[in-house]
Amino acid sequence: MSLALDEPRENDDTYEVMGYSFCVERALGEQTGAIRIDMTSYGFSVESENPMNTGGGGCGGSCGSGEKSSGGCSC
C-alpha cells in the first residue's frame, strides 16, 4: 500500500488526523482493516491490519488513516 494525492469521493471514508486529511475507498478499507501510517526518515510507511497482496503493482486505493481505524485511502 502507498499514499497518493486524491480528492474525497462519495465512496470514500475521510479521516482527519493531526491536521492531515486522509481518504480511503470504503471497499478497500473493509479489506485492509486498520491502517497505520508512520513518518520515517525515508518517507511514509503504510501498513494494514490485513496486508494486501499487490502482486508487485501499485496502490489499490486512495489513501490511509494516520492512526488505527476501521477504514482509512486513504490509503
C-alpha atoms as a PDB file:
ATOM      1  CA  MET A   1       0.000   0.000   0.000  1.00  0.00           C
ATOM      2  CA  SER A   2       1.046   3.552  -0.568  1.00  0.00           C
ATOM      3  CA  LEU A   3      -0.225   7.112  -0.303  1.00  0.00           C
ATOM      4  CA  ALA A   4      -1.348   9.269  -3.197  1.00  0.00           C
ATOM      5  CA  LEU A   5      -2.866  12.727  -3.508  1.00  0.00           C
ATOM      6  CA  ASP A   6      -6.579  12.462  -4.162  1.00  0.00           C
ATOM      7  CA  GLU A   7      -9.865  14.239  -3.581  1.00  0.00           C
ATOM      8  CA  PRO A   8     -12.559  12.533  -1.477  1.00  0.00           C
ATOM      9  CA  ARG A   9     -15.322  10.834  -3.450  1.00  0.00           C
ATOM     10  CA  GLU A  10     -18.764   9.535  -2.495  1.00  0.00           C
ATOM     11  CA  ASN A  11     -17.446   6.009  -1.871  1.00  0.00           C
ATOM     12  CA  ASP A  12     -14.581   7.165   0.412  1.00  0.00           C
ATOM     13  CA  ASP A  13     -14.300   7.428   4.173  1.00  0.00           C
ATOM     14  CA  THR A  14     -12.379  10.551   5.243  1.00  0.00           C
ATOM     15  CA  TYR A  15     -10.246  10.859   8.393  1.00  0.00           C
ATOM     16  CA  GLU A  16      -8.728  13.964   9.983  1.00  0.00           C
ATOM     17  CA  VAL A  17      -5.545  13.103  11.898  1.00  0.00           C
ATOM     18  CA  MET A  18      -3.152  15.667  13.406  1.00  0.00           C
ATOM     19  CA  GLY A  19      -4.118  18.305  10.827  1.00  0.00           C
ATOM     20  CA  TYR A  20      -3.942  15.937   7.841  1.00  0.00           C
ATOM     21  CA  SER A  21      -6.913  14.634   5.855  1.00  0.00           C
ATOM     22  CA  PHE A  22      -6.840  11.051   4.601  1.00  0.00           C
ATOM     23  CA  CYS A  23      -9.429   9.336   2.445  1.00  0.00           C
ATOM     24  CA  VAL A  24      -9.815   5.616   1.855  1.00  0.00           C
ATOM     25  CA  GLU A  25     -12.110   3.935  -0.607  1.00  0.00           C
ATOM     26  CA  ARG A  26     -14.714   2.212   1.573  1.00  0.00           C
ATOM     27  CA  ALA A  27     -14.309  -1.195  -0.130  1.00  0.00           C
ATOM     28  CA  LEU A  28     -10.514  -1.043   0.303  1.00  0.00           C
ATOM     29  CA  GLY A  29     -10.894  -0.098   3.966  1.00  0.00           C
ATOM     30  CA  GLU A  30     -13.106  -3.143   4.516  1.00  0.00           C
ATOM     31  CA  GLN A  31     -10.383  -5.370   3.034  1.00  0.00           C
ATOM     32  CA  THR A  32      -7.417  -3.814   4.850  1.00  0.00           C
ATOM     33  CA  GLY A  33      -8.839  -3.384   8.324  1.00  0.00           C
ATOM     34  CA  ALA A  34      -6.950  -0.853  10.460  1.00  0.00           C
ATOM     35  CA  ILE A  35      -4.345   1.182   8.576  1.00  0.00           C
ATOM     36  CA  ARG A  36      -1.257   2.682  10.213  1.00  0.00           C
ATOM     37  CA  ILE A  37       0.850   5.417   8.595  1.00  0.00           C
ATOM     38  CA  ASP A  38       4.209   6.357  10.081  1.00  0.00           C
ATOM     39  CA  MET A  39       6.697   9.021   9.010  1.00  0.00           C
ATOM     40  CA  THR A  40      10.215   7.638   8.596  1.00  0.00           C
ATOM     41  CA  SER A  41      13.466   9.250   7.509  1.00  0.00           C
ATOM     42  CA  TYR A  42      12.750   7.768   4.044  1.00  0.00           C
ATOM     43  CA  GLY A  43       9.147   8.976   3.736  1.00  0.00           C
ATOM     44  CA  PHE A  44       5.909   7.325   4.793  1.00  0.00           C
ATOM     45  CA  SER A  45       5.438   3.731   5.898  1.00  0.00           C
ATOM     46  CA  VAL A  46       1.919   2.347   5.304  1.00  0.00           C
ATOM     47  CA  GLU A  47       0.809  -0.899   6.958  1.00  0.00           C
ATOM     48  CA  SER A  48      -2.595  -2.513   7.275  1.00  0.00           C
ATOM     49  CA  GLU A  49      -4.127  -4.965   9.712  1.00  0.00           C
ATOM     50  CA  ASN A  50      -4.781  -7.318   6.773  1.00  0.00           C
ATOM     51  CA  PRO A  51      -1.771  -6.977   4.419  1.00  0.00           C
ATOM     52  CA  MET A  52      -2.748  -6.560   0.788  1.00  0.00           C
ATOM     53  CA  ASN A  53      -1.120  -8.617  -1.958  1.00  0.00           C
ATOM     54  CA  THR A  54      -0.473  -6.084  -4.716  1.00  0.00           C
ATOM     55  CA  GLY A  55       1.383  -8.563  -6.928  1.00  0.00           C
ATOM     56  CA  GLY A  56       4.190  -6.057  -7.379  1.00  0.00           C
ATOM     57  CA  GLY A  57       1.754  -3.460  -8.680  1.00  0.00           C
ATOM     58  CA  GLY A  58       0.741  -0.101  -7.325  1.00  0.00           C
ATOM     59  CA  CYS A  59      -1.771   1.028  -4.783  1.00  0.00           C
ATOM     60  CA  GLY A  60      -5.235  -0.461  -4.745  1.00  0.00           C
ATOM     61  CA  GLY A  61      -6.984   2.601  -3.373  1.00  0.00           C
ATOM     62  CA  SER A  62      -6.868   6.216  -2.337  1.00  0.00           C
ATOM     63  CA  CYS A  63      -5.071   6.990   0.929  1.00  0.00           C
ATOM     64  CA  GLY A  64      -4.978   5.818   4.543  1.00  0.00           C
ATOM     65  CA  SER A  65      -5.610   6.802   8.070  1.00  0.00           C
ATOM     66  CA  GLY A  66      -2.844   8.202  10.235  1.00  0.00           C
ATOM     67  CA  GLU A  67      -3.959   6.087  13.152  1.00  0.00           C
ATOM     68  CA  LYS A  68      -5.546   2.707  13.555  1.00  0.00           C
ATOM     69  CA  SER A  69      -9.146   2.936  12.463  1.00  0.00           C
ATOM     70  CA  SER A  70     -11.848   0.841  10.894  1.00  0.00           C
ATOM     71  CA  GLY A  71     -11.233   2.204   7.422  1.00  0.00           C
ATOM     72  CA  GLY A  72      -8.986   4.514   6.138  1.00  0.00           C
ATOM     73  CA  CYS A  73      -7.320   5.834   1.454  1.00  0.00           C
ATOM     74  CA  SER A  74      -6.618   6.741   2.267  1.00  0.00           C
ATOM     75  CA  CYS A  75      -4.779   4.631   1.904  1.00  0.00           C
END
